[in-house]
Structures are given as structure tokens and as C-alpha cells.
């Protein structure tokens, strides 16, 4: 595979993305690179550079359904493709679906953190908090998720359900500390 990537990189460097794409596509079709998720991702990247976003989508979707099933890296690349295409809602939906369905808690935590960062960037901190809280409640006890959840719990006190009216910040502080205590204990 290294040979193929070096040859493709040389063609891309010379400015011929179409030839690089065709070379990698022939390698995937001939069987030498068939079923390799890294080759499929590289091909999807070249498809996007050549302006065929629909084909890049289908390549990454095929990788996720086949040899790269559950690969967080490929999920991130597919979501980033939607972001670059201007489909932020599709990106959010995709990350949300994968964050809920992934079988590994560490991967679910990573996907939830990525989705929460997206929501924060879109100035939707309450949705970011809900995503992290859902991941926490589903059993994800990642240290980074805990830290981000505690921080969002403090900063989004208005989003967090309070039990007594004017005790929003105090309640948020108590909940934030509870996340840390539970993860340490």
C-alpha cells in the first residue's frame, strides 16, 4: 500500500488529482487494494478534491458498511466531508447516530465529545450538554468526557434541571462535582 500512496502523492504533487484518483481506483478495483479501509478513505479524499462529493460520500459510506465498520476515524472523515459541503445538520445527525449506536463506550465517548464540540461551535451549549450527559448516563466514563461535562454543567446552569428555582449555580456546581466524584470512586 505504501507504494500506491507514494505514487498517488507524486501525481497529486504534480497537480494531476484525476490521474491519482484513477490510479487508486484501479488499484481498488483490481483487487490489490480491495477491502482496505485506508485505500477507500484515500480514494474518497481524491474524489472530493476532484469535485465529486457524491462519490466521496458513497466511498466513505461503503467503507463504514464494510471493512471500516465502527471505525471512529472514518466516521470523523465522513462527518467532516458533510461539514465541508455545508451540511452541518447532516454532520450532527450522523455523529449523533454513531454516538448512540457504537458498541464500544470509549468510541461513544469520543463521538459524543466531537458532537458536543460541534454544538458548542454552533452556539448551542444546551444541546452540547445533553449529548455529553446522555453519553455519561449510557456508561461512558471517559476522563475527557467527564471534564467537558463538568465544565458544561457549570457554564450551562440554565439548561440543567434545577430543583429549587434560584439555586441554579449552586445546583450546577454540586452536579459538576458529583460527576468527578463518581468517576473517581
Protein backbone atom coordinates (compact mmCIF):
# COMPACT_ATOMS: atom_id res chain seq x y z
CA UNK A 1 0.00 0.00 0.00
CA UNK A 2 2.91 2.34 0.68
CA UNK A 3 3.96 2.16 -2.97
CA UNK A 4 0.49 3.10 -4.11
CA UNK A 5 0.30 6.04 -1.71
CA UNK A 6 3.71 7.35 -2.72
CA UNK A 7 2.84 7.14 -6.40
CA UNK A 8 -0.51 8.85 -5.75
CA UNK A 9 1.23 11.56 -3.69
CA UNK A 10 3.66 12.15 -6.54
CA UNK A 11 0.78 12.57 -9.00
CA UNK A 12 -1.07 14.91 -6.63
CA UNK A 13 2.10 16.94 -6.10
CA UNK A 14 2.48 17.32 -9.85
CA UNK A 15 -1.09 18.67 -9.94
CA UNK A 16 -2.83 15.70 -11.53
CA UNK A 17 -5.51 14.71 -9.00
CA UNK A 18 -7.58 12.99 -11.68
CA UNK A 19 -4.73 10.63 -12.61
CA UNK A 20 -4.06 9.97 -8.92
CA UNK A 21 -7.73 9.17 -8.37
CA UNK A 22 -7.84 6.88 -11.40
CA UNK A 23 -4.70 5.04 -10.28
CA UNK A 24 -6.08 4.43 -6.79
CA UNK A 25 -9.48 3.47 -8.19
CA UNK A 26 -7.85 0.90 -10.49
CA UNK A 27 -5.88 -0.45 -7.52
CA UNK A 28 -9.10 -0.86 -5.54
CA UNK A 29 -10.92 -2.50 -8.44
CA UNK A 30 -8.06 -4.83 -9.41
CA UNK A 31 -8.08 -6.45 -6.01
CA UNK A 32 -4.69 -5.28 -4.79
CA UNK A 33 -6.30 -2.68 -2.54
CA UNK A 34 -9.81 -4.11 -2.35
CA UNK A 35 -11.29 -4.09 1.12
CA UNK A 36 -8.64 -1.80 2.58
CA UNK A 37 -10.32 0.99 4.54
CA UNK A 38 -7.27 3.23 4.26
CA UNK A 39 -7.32 2.93 0.47
CA UNK A 40 -11.06 3.69 0.41
CA UNK A 41 -10.55 6.76 2.58
CA UNK A 42 -7.67 7.98 0.38
CA UNK A 43 -9.82 7.44 -2.71
CA UNK A 44 -12.73 9.33 -1.17
CA UNK A 45 -10.38 12.20 -0.38
CA UNK A 46 -9.23 12.31 -4.00
CA UNK A 47 -12.84 12.15 -5.22
CA UNK A 48 -13.61 15.20 -3.10
CA UNK A 49 -10.56 17.04 -4.42
CA UNK A 50 -11.74 16.26 -7.96
CA UNK A 51 -15.13 17.78 -7.12
CA UNK A 52 -17.20 14.60 -6.93
CA UNK A 53 -18.56 14.92 -3.39
CA UNK A 54 -21.38 12.45 -4.00
CA UNK A 55 -18.91 9.76 -4.97
CA UNK A 56 -16.72 10.60 -1.96
CA UNK A 57 -19.77 10.17 0.27
CA UNK A 58 -20.59 6.80 -1.24
CA UNK A 59 -16.97 5.62 -0.87
CA UNK A 60 -16.90 6.52 2.82
CA UNK A 61 -20.36 5.04 3.38
CA UNK A 62 -19.23 1.82 1.70
CA UNK A 63 -16.17 1.75 3.94
CA UNK A 64 -18.35 2.23 7.03
CA UNK A 65 -20.69 -0.56 5.97
CA UNK A 66 -17.86 -2.92 5.12
CA UNK A 67 -14.22 -3.09 6.13
CA UNK A 68 -14.21 0.03 8.31
CA UNK A 69 -17.38 -0.75 10.25
CA UNK A 70 -17.22 1.13 13.53
CA UNK A 71 -14.01 2.98 12.67
CA UNK A 72 -14.14 6.30 14.51
CA UNK A 73 -11.58 7.79 12.14
CA UNK A 74 -13.74 7.02 9.10
CA UNK A 75 -16.83 8.33 10.91
CA UNK A 76 -14.98 11.58 11.61
CA UNK A 77 -13.85 11.83 7.99
CA UNK A 78 -17.40 11.24 6.74
CA UNK A 79 -18.77 13.87 9.13
CA UNK A 80 -16.04 16.33 8.13
CA UNK A 81 -16.98 15.83 4.48
CA UNK A 82 -20.53 16.95 5.31
CA UNK A 83 -19.18 19.96 7.21
CA UNK A 84 -17.04 21.00 4.25
CA UNK A 85 -20.06 20.57 1.98
CA UNK A 86 -22.02 22.93 4.27
CA UNK A 87 -24.36 20.28 5.66
CA UNK A 88 -23.87 20.87 9.38
CA UNK A 89 -27.24 19.34 10.29
CA UNK A 90 -26.36 16.15 8.40
CA UNK A 91 -22.98 16.12 10.17
CA UNK A 92 -24.66 16.49 13.57
CA UNK A 93 -27.21 13.79 12.77
CA UNK A 94 -24.50 11.41 11.62
CA UNK A 95 -22.37 11.94 14.71
CA UNK A 96 -25.42 11.57 16.95
CA UNK A 97 -26.44 8.27 15.34
CA UNK A 98 -22.96 6.80 15.57
CA UNK A 99 -22.51 8.06 19.16
CA UNK A 100 -25.67 6.24 20.22
CA UNK A 101 -25.09 3.02 18.26
CA UNK A 102 -21.38 2.34 18.65
CA UNK A 103 -20.76 -0.78 20.74
CA UNK A 104 -17.60 0.49 22.48
CA UNK A 105 -18.02 3.01 25.33
CA UNK A 106 -14.69 4.72 24.56
CA UNK A 107 -15.73 5.29 20.95
CA UNK A 108 -19.17 6.51 22.03
CA UNK A 109 -17.49 8.98 24.39
CA UNK A 110 -15.19 10.25 21.65
CA UNK A 111 -18.08 10.65 19.19
CA UNK A 112 -20.22 12.39 21.83
CA UNK A 113 -17.38 14.79 22.63
CA UNK A 114 -16.97 15.61 18.93
CA UNK A 115 -20.72 16.24 18.60
CA UNK A 116 -20.73 18.40 21.72
CA UNK A 117 -17.86 20.48 20.32
CA UNK A 118 -19.86 20.92 17.12
CA UNK A 119 -22.89 22.14 19.09
CA UNK A 120 -20.71 24.48 21.14
CA UNK A 121 -19.27 25.91 17.92
CA UNK A 122 -22.82 26.48 16.69
CA UNK A 123 -23.64 28.35 19.94
CA UNK A 124 -25.95 25.57 21.15
CA UNK A 125 -24.46 24.77 24.56
CA UNK A 126 -27.64 23.19 25.95
CA UNK A 127 -27.60 20.59 23.18
CA UNK A 128 -23.89 20.01 23.79
CA UNK A 129 -24.62 19.42 27.48
CA UNK A 130 -27.44 16.99 26.66
CA UNK A 131 -25.19 14.98 24.31
CA UNK A 132 -22.48 14.61 26.94
CA UNK A 133 -25.00 13.85 29.68
CA UNK A 134 -26.62 11.14 27.53
CA UNK A 135 -23.19 9.60 26.91
CA UNK A 136 -22.40 9.73 30.63
CA UNK A 137 -25.70 8.09 31.52
CA UNK A 138 -25.13 5.35 28.93
CA UNK A 139 -21.98 4.27 30.75
CA UNK A 140 -19.21 6.30 29.12
CA UNK A 141 -16.79 7.21 31.90
CA UNK A 142 -14.03 8.77 29.80
CA UNK A 143 -11.90 11.27 31.74
CA UNK A 144 -12.14 13.85 28.98
CA UNK A 145 -15.90 13.42 28.70
CA UNK A 146 -16.19 13.90 32.45
CA UNK A 147 -14.15 17.10 32.35
CA UNK A 148 -16.14 18.52 29.44
CA UNK A 149 -19.44 17.51 31.02
CA UNK A 150 -18.49 19.13 34.33
CA UNK A 151 -17.43 22.32 32.56
CA UNK A 152 -20.62 22.48 30.51
CA UNK A 153 -22.71 21.73 33.57
CA UNK A 154 -21.22 24.79 35.25
CA UNK A 155 -21.47 27.06 32.22
CA UNK A 156 -24.97 26.00 31.21
CA UNK A 157 -26.64 26.13 34.59
CA UNK A 158 -29.81 27.43 32.95
CA UNK A 159 -30.02 24.27 30.81
CA UNK A 160 -29.63 21.92 33.73
CA UNK A 161 -32.80 20.98 35.52
CA UNK A 162 -32.85 22.71 38.89
CA UNK A 163 -34.99 21.64 41.75
CA UNK A 164 -35.42 24.85 43.62
CA UNK A 165 -35.67 27.93 41.43
CA UNK A 166 -32.86 30.33 42.40
CA UNK A 167 -30.28 27.67 43.22
CA UNK A 168 -29.09 27.28 39.61
CA UNK A 169 -25.37 27.88 40.05
CA UNK A 170 -25.17 26.05 43.36
CA UNK A 171 -27.01 23.10 41.85
CA UNK A 172 -24.74 23.16 38.78
CA UNK A 173 -21.65 23.21 40.98
CA UNK A 174 -22.92 20.28 43.03
CA UNK A 175 -23.73 18.28 39.89
CA UNK A 176 -20.37 19.10 38.36
CA UNK A 177 -18.53 17.91 41.46
CA UNK A 178 -20.72 14.80 41.56
CA UNK A 179 -19.55 13.83 38.06
CA UNK A 180 -15.93 13.98 39.19
CA UNK A 181 -16.57 12.13 42.45
CA UNK A 182 -18.46 9.35 40.67
CA UNK A 183 -15.75 8.93 38.05
CA UNK A 184 -13.03 8.77 40.73
CA UNK A 185 -14.94 6.48 43.03
